[in-house]
């Protein structure tokens, strides 16, 4: 559950930061661009959110 919440929050926060900075958010001059790539990697690397939700629901006994 922590991996799911952590990866989704990281993605949400970095997406908001990129939107706030506009075009500068995609520029390699600012660290936000790297943070966005790292957050997306964590989201994919740990398993997609849908798969994690499925694993969690099975662990809780819901089917």
PDB file of N, CA and C in Angstrom:
ATOM      1  N   UNK A   1       0.825  -1.184   0.000  1.00  0.00           N
ATOM      2  CA  UNK A   1       0.000   0.000   0.000  1.00  0.00           C
ATOM      3  C   UNK A   1       0.871   1.250   0.000  1.00  0.00           C
ATOM      4  N   UNK A   2       1.982   1.181   0.725  1.00  0.00           N
ATOM      5  CA  UNK A   2       2.868   2.343   0.785  1.00  0.00           C
ATOM      6  C   UNK A   2       3.479   2.629  -0.581  1.00  0.00           C
ATOM      7  N   UNK A   3       3.836   1.572  -1.332  1.00  0.00           N
ATOM      8  CA  UNK A   3       4.404   1.777  -2.663  1.00  0.00           C
ATOM      9  C   UNK A   3       3.393   2.441  -3.581  1.00  0.00           C
ATOM     10  N   UNK A   4       2.154   2.025  -3.503  1.00  0.00           N
ATOM     11  CA  UNK A   4       1.099   2.594  -4.347  1.00  0.00           C
ATOM     12  C   UNK A   4       0.883   4.068  -4.020  1.00  0.00           C
ATOM     13  N   UNK A   5       0.709   4.357  -2.750  1.00  0.00           N
ATOM     14  CA  UNK A   5       0.461   5.736  -2.333  1.00  0.00           C
ATOM     15  C   UNK A   5       1.680   6.617  -2.619  1.00  0.00           C
ATOM     16  N   UNK A   6       2.857   6.102  -2.338  1.00  0.00           N
ATOM     17  CA  UNK A   6       4.070   6.878  -2.566  1.00  0.00           C
ATOM     18  C   UNK A   6       4.298   7.205  -4.030  1.00  0.00           C
ATOM     19  N   UNK A   7       4.138   6.213  -4.905  1.00  0.00           N
ATOM     20  CA  UNK A   7       4.374   6.458  -6.331  1.00  0.00           C
ATOM     21  C   UNK A   7       3.305   7.373  -6.925  1.00  0.00           C
ATOM     22  N   UNK A   8       2.057   7.215  -6.502  1.00  0.00           N
ATOM     23  CA  UNK A   8       1.000   8.087  -7.025  1.00  0.00           C
ATOM     24  C   UNK A   8       1.158   9.523  -6.528  1.00  0.00           C
ATOM     25  N   UNK A   9       1.539   9.690  -5.263  1.00  0.00           N
ATOM     26  CA  UNK A   9       1.751  11.042  -4.736  1.00  0.00           C
ATOM     27  C   UNK A   9       2.941  11.716  -5.396  1.00  0.00           C
ATOM     28  N   UNK A  10       4.007  10.968  -5.620  1.00  0.00           N
ATOM     29  CA  UNK A  10       5.176  11.535  -6.298  1.00  0.00           C
ATOM     30  C   UNK A  10       4.810  11.988  -7.700  1.00  0.00           C
ATOM     31  N   UNK A  11       4.046  11.178  -8.404  1.00  0.00           N
ATOM     32  CA  UNK A  11       3.645  11.539  -9.759  1.00  0.00           C
ATOM     33  C   UNK A  11       2.720  12.758  -9.746  1.00  0.00           C
ATOM     34  N   UNK A  12       1.783  12.803  -8.807  1.00  0.00           N
ATOM     35  CA  UNK A  12       0.858  13.930  -8.717  1.00  0.00           C
ATOM     36  C   UNK A  12       1.613  15.229  -8.420  1.00  0.00           C
ATOM     37  N   UNK A  13       2.548  15.160  -7.464  1.00  0.00           N
ATOM     38  CA  UNK A  13       3.299  16.363  -7.074  1.00  0.00           C
ATOM     39  C   UNK A  13       4.185  16.862  -8.206  1.00  0.00           C
ATOM     40  N   UNK A  14       4.892  15.955  -8.871  1.00  0.00           N
ATOM     41  CA  UNK A  14       5.770  16.392  -9.952  1.00  0.00           C
ATOM     42  C   UNK A  14       4.970  16.904 -11.141  1.00  0.00           C
ATOM     43  N   UNK A  15       3.821  16.294 -11.399  1.00  0.00           N
ATOM     44  CA  UNK A  15       2.968  16.781 -12.481  1.00  0.00           C
ATOM     45  C   UNK A  15       2.491  18.203 -12.174  1.00  0.00           C
ATOM     46  N   UNK A  16       2.101  18.440 -10.934  1.00  0.00           N
ATOM     47  CA  UNK A  16       1.666  19.781 -10.534  1.00  0.00           C
ATOM     48  C   UNK A  16       2.812  20.787 -10.647  1.00  0.00           C
ATOM     49  N   UNK A  17       4.018  20.362 -10.293  1.00  0.00           N
ATOM     50  CA  UNK A  17       5.175  21.260 -10.394  1.00  0.00           C
ATOM     51  C   UNK A  17       5.472  21.604 -11.848  1.00  0.00           C
ATOM     52  N   UNK A  18       5.412  20.602 -12.726  1.00  0.00           N
ATOM     53  CA  UNK A  18       5.660  20.855 -14.150  1.00  0.00           C
ATOM     54  C   UNK A  18       4.589  21.783 -14.711  1.00  0.00           C
ATOM     55  N   UNK A  19       3.340  21.586 -14.332  1.00  0.00           N
ATOM     56  CA  UNK A  19       2.261  22.450 -14.796  1.00  0.00           C
ATOM     57  C   UNK A  19       2.445  23.881 -14.287  1.00  0.00           C
ATOM     58  N   UNK A  20       2.916  24.016 -13.061  1.00  0.00           N
ATOM     59  CA  UNK A  20       3.128  25.339 -12.482  1.00  0.00           C
ATOM     60  C   UNK A  20       4.234  26.086 -13.220  1.00  0.00           C
ATOM     61  N   UNK A  21       5.295  25.376 -13.557  1.00  0.00           N
ATOM     62  CA  UNK A  21       6.424  26.016 -14.236  1.00  0.00           C
ATOM     63  C   UNK A  21       6.198  26.197 -15.736  1.00  0.00           C
ATOM     64  N   UNK A  22       5.201  25.531 -16.261  1.00  0.00           N
ATOM     65  CA  UNK A  22       4.914  25.657 -17.692  1.00  0.00           C
ATOM     66  C   UNK A  22       6.033  25.055 -18.522  1.00  0.00           C
ATOM     67  N   UNK A  23       6.489  25.778 -19.526  1.00  0.00           N
ATOM     68  CA  UNK A  23       7.539  25.295 -20.418  1.00  0.00           C
ATOM     69  C   UNK A  23       8.851  25.036 -19.705  1.00  0.00           C
ATOM     70  N   UNK A  24       9.123  25.787 -18.645  1.00  0.00           N
ATOM     71  CA  UNK A  24      10.358  25.578 -17.893  1.00  0.00           C
ATOM     72  C   UNK A  24      10.364  24.221 -17.191  1.00  0.00           C
ATOM     73  N   UNK A  25       9.192  23.663 -16.936  1.00  0.00           N
ATOM     74  CA  UNK A  25       9.114  22.365 -16.277  1.00  0.00           C
ATOM     75  C   UNK A  25       9.689  21.238 -17.105  1.00  0.00           C
ATOM     76  N   UNK A  26       9.731  21.425 -18.423  1.00  0.00           N
ATOM     77  CA  UNK A  26      10.273  20.402 -19.313  1.00  0.00           C
ATOM     78  C   UNK A  26      11.735  20.654 -19.660  1.00  0.00           C
ATOM     79  N   UNK A  27      12.271  21.758 -19.211  1.00  0.00           N
ATOM     80  CA  UNK A  27      13.650  22.122 -19.510  1.00  0.00           C
ATOM     81  C   UNK A  27      14.601  21.378 -18.583  1.00  0.00           C
ATOM     82  N   UNK A  28      15.690  20.906 -19.117  1.00  0.00           N
ATOM     83  CA  UNK A  28      16.685  20.196 -18.305  1.00  0.00           C
ATOM     84  C   UNK A  28      17.446  21.122 -17.371  1.00  0.00           C
ATOM     85  N   UNK A  29      17.241  22.423 -17.496  1.00  0.00           N
ATOM     86  CA  UNK A  29      17.903  23.384 -16.611  1.00  0.00           C
ATOM     87  C   UNK A  29      17.343  23.333 -15.189  1.00  0.00           C
ATOM     88  N   UNK A  30      16.135  22.823 -15.043  1.00  0.00           N
ATOM     89  CA  UNK A  30      15.475  22.784 -13.749  1.00  0.00           C
ATOM     90  C   UNK A  30      15.335  21.337 -13.283  1.00  0.00           C
ATOM     91  N   UNK A  31      15.459  21.093 -11.984  1.00  0.00           N
ATOM     92  CA  UNK A  31      15.402  19.711 -11.482  1.00  0.00           C
ATOM     93  C   UNK A  31      14.018  19.070 -11.580  1.00  0.00           C
ATOM     94  N   UNK A  32      12.993  19.849 -11.820  1.00  0.00           N
ATOM     95  CA  UNK A  32      11.634  19.293 -11.873  1.00  0.00           C
ATOM     96  C   UNK A  32      11.518  18.270 -12.999  1.00  0.00           C
ATOM     97  N   UNK A  33      12.190  18.511 -14.089  1.00  0.00           N
ATOM     98  CA  UNK A  33      12.138  17.589 -15.230  1.00  0.00           C
ATOM     99  C   UNK A  33      12.677  16.221 -14.821  1.00  0.00           C
ATOM    100  N   UNK A  34      13.774  16.203 -14.095  1.00  0.00           N
ATOM    101  CA  UNK A  34      14.354  14.934 -13.632  1.00  0.00           C
ATOM    102  C   UNK A  34      13.460  14.271 -12.604  1.00  0.00           C
ATOM    103  N   UNK A  35      12.871  15.067 -11.713  1.00  0.00           N
ATOM    104  CA  UNK A  35      11.970  14.509 -10.709  1.00  0.00           C
ATOM    105  C   UNK A  35      10.770  13.832 -11.362  1.00  0.00           C
ATOM    106  N   UNK A  36      10.279  14.435 -12.438  1.00  0.00           N
ATOM    107  CA  UNK A  36       9.131  13.855 -13.151  1.00  0.00           C
ATOM    108  C   UNK A  36       9.512  12.509 -13.759  1.00  0.00           C
ATOM    109  N   UNK A  37      10.689  12.448 -14.379  1.00  0.00           N
ATOM    110  CA  UNK A  37      11.143  11.179 -14.954  1.00  0.00           C
ATOM    111  C   UNK A  37      11.333  10.128 -13.869  1.00  0.00           C
ATOM    112  N   UNK A  38      11.923  10.517 -12.741  1.00  0.00           N
ATOM    113  CA  UNK A  38      12.144   9.576 -11.650  1.00  0.00           C
ATOM    114  C   UNK A  38      10.827   9.073 -11.063  1.00  0.00           C
ATOM    115  N   UNK A  39       9.854   9.958 -10.922  1.00  0.00           N
ATOM    116  CA  UNK A  39       8.552   9.560 -10.379  1.00  0.00           C
ATOM    117  C   UNK A  39       7.856   8.585 -11.316  1.00  0.00           C
ATOM    118  N   UNK A  40       7.939   8.848 -12.615  1.00  0.00           N
ATOM    119  CA  UNK A  40       7.306   7.947 -13.589  1.00  0.00           C
ATOM    120  C   UNK A  40       7.993   6.590 -13.575  1.00  0.00           C
ATOM    121  N   UNK A  41       9.309   6.588 -13.444  1.00  0.00           N
ATOM    122  CA  UNK A  41      10.049   5.335 -13.376  1.00  0.00           C
ATOM    123  C   UNK A  41       9.627   4.523 -12.159  1.00  0.00           C
ATOM    124  N   UNK A  42       9.487   5.172 -11.019  1.00  0.00           N
ATOM    125  CA  UNK A  42       9.050   4.474  -9.816  1.00  0.00           C
ATOM    126  C   UNK A  42       7.648   3.901  -9.983  1.00  0.00           C
ATOM    127  N   UNK A  43       6.800   4.659 -10.646  1.00  0.00           N
ATOM    128  CA  UNK A  43       5.427   4.201 -10.868  1.00  0.00           C
ATOM    129  C   UNK A  43       5.416   2.939 -11.730  1.00  0.00           C
ATOM    130  N   UNK A  44       6.263   2.898 -12.742  1.00  0.00           N
ATOM    131  CA  UNK A  44       6.311   1.751 -13.642  1.00  0.00           C
ATOM    132  C   UNK A  44       7.102   0.606 -13.014  1.00  0.00           C
ATOM    133  N   UNK A  45       8.223   0.923 -12.385  1.00  0.00           N
ATOM    134  CA  UNK A  45       9.116  -0.084 -11.835  1.00  0.00           C
ATOM    135  C   UNK A  45       8.465  -0.906 -10.730  1.00  0.00           C
ATOM    136  N   UNK A  46       7.698  -0.283  -9.896  1.00  0.00           N
ATOM    137  CA  UNK A  46       7.066  -0.973  -8.771  1.00  0.00           C
ATOM    138  C   UNK A  46       5.809  -1.723  -9.192  1.00  0.00           C
ATOM    139  N   UNK A  47       5.429  -1.634 -10.438  1.00  0.00           N
ATOM    140  CA  UNK A  47       4.200  -2.249 -10.917  1.00  0.00           C
ATOM    141  C   UNK A  47       3.163  -1.170 -11.115  1.00  0.00           C
ATOM    142  N   UNK A  48       2.325  -1.361 -12.105  1.00  0.00           N
ATOM    143  CA  UNK A  48       1.329  -0.333 -12.374  1.00  0.00           C
ATOM    144  C   UNK A  48       0.363  -0.220 -11.202  1.00  0.00           C
ATOM    145  N   UNK A  49      -0.262   0.915 -11.102  1.00  0.00           N
ATOM    146  CA  UNK A  49      -1.190   1.162  -9.996  1.00  0.00           C
ATOM    147  C   UNK A  49      -2.349   0.174 -10.002  1.00  0.00           C
ATOM    148  N   UNK A  50      -2.815  -0.181 -11.190  1.00  0.00           N
ATOM    149  CA  UNK A  50      -3.927  -1.133 -11.268  1.00  0.00           C
ATOM    150  C   UNK A  50      -3.527  -2.505 -10.718  1.00  0.00           C
ATOM    151  N   UNK A  51      -2.335  -2.951 -11.058  1.00  0.00           N
ATOM    152  CA  UNK A  51      -1.862  -4.245 -10.565  1.00  0.00           C
ATOM    153  C   UNK A  51      -1.657  -4.193  -9.055  1.00  0.00           C
ATOM    154  N   UNK A  52      -1.112  -3.096  -8.559  1.00  0.00           N
ATOM    155  CA  UNK A  52      -0.925  -2.970  -7.119  1.00  0.00           C
ATOM    156  C   UNK A  52      -2.260  -2.971  -6.387  1.00  0.00           C
ATOM    157  N   UNK A  53      -3.257  -2.297  -6.951  1.00  0.00           N
ATOM    158  CA  UNK A  53      -4.593  -2.312  -6.332  1.00  0.00           C
ATOM    159  C   UNK A  53      -5.168  -3.724  -6.314  1.00  0.00           C
ATOM    160  N   UNK A  54      -4.939  -4.478  -7.377  1.00  0.00           N
ATOM    161  CA  UNK A  54      -5.412  -5.872  -7.439  1.00  0.00           C
ATOM    162  C   UNK A  54      -4.741  -6.711  -6.365  1.00  0.00           C
ATOM    163  N   UNK A  55      -3.448  -6.578  -6.207  1.00  0.00           N
ATOM    164  CA  UNK A  55      -2.702  -7.314  -5.190  1.00  0.00           C
ATOM    165  C   UNK A  55      -3.187  -6.944  -3.787  1.00  0.00           C
ATOM    166  N   UNK A  56      -3.407  -5.658  -3.550  1.00  0.00           N
ATOM    167  CA  UNK A  56      -3.887  -5.194  -2.250  1.00  0.00           C
ATOM    168  C   UNK A  56      -5.278  -5.759  -1.955  1.00  0.00           C
ATOM    169  N   UNK A  57      -6.157  -5.696  -2.947  1.00  0.00           N
ATOM    170  CA  UNK A  57      -7.522  -6.189  -2.721  1.00  0.00           C
ATOM    171  C   UNK A  57      -7.530  -7.692  -2.462  1.00  0.00           C
ATOM    172  N   UNK A  58      -6.674  -8.426  -3.134  1.00  0.00           N
ATOM    173  CA  UNK A  58      -6.590  -9.871  -2.871  1.00  0.00           C
ATOM    174  C   UNK A  58      -6.047 -10.130  -1.485  1.00  0.00           C
ATOM    175  N   UNK A  59      -5.103  -9.316  -1.060  1.00  0.00           N
ATOM    176  CA  UNK A  59      -4.538  -9.476   0.274  1.00  0.00           C
ATOM    177  C   UNK A  59      -5.539  -9.152   1.373  1.00  0.00           C
ATOM    178  N   UNK A  60      -6.479  -8.289   1.074  1.00  0.00           N
ATOM    179  CA  UNK A  60      -7.515  -7.926   2.048  1.00  0.00           C
ATOM    180  C   UNK A  60      -8.704  -8.878   2.020  1.00  0.00           C
ATOM    181  N   UNK A  61      -8.719  -9.782   1.056  1.00  0.00           N
ATOM    182  CA  UNK A  61      -9.786 -10.771   0.969  1.00  0.00           C
ATOM    183  C   UNK A  61     -10.904 -10.394   0.037  1.00  0.00           C
ATOM    184  N   UNK A  62     -10.858  -9.241  -0.598  1.00  0.00           N
ATOM    185  CA  UNK A  62     -11.894  -8.841  -1.553  1.00  0.00           C
ATOM    186  C   UNK A  62     -11.555  -9.425  -2.913  1.00  0.00           C
ATOM    187  N   UNK A  63     -12.566  -9.825  -3.623  1.00  0.00           N
ATOM    188  CA  UNK A  63     -12.333 -10.399  -4.956  1.00  0.00           C
ATOM    189  C   UNK A  63     -13.300  -9.836  -5.944  1.00  0.00           C
TER     190      UNK A  63
END
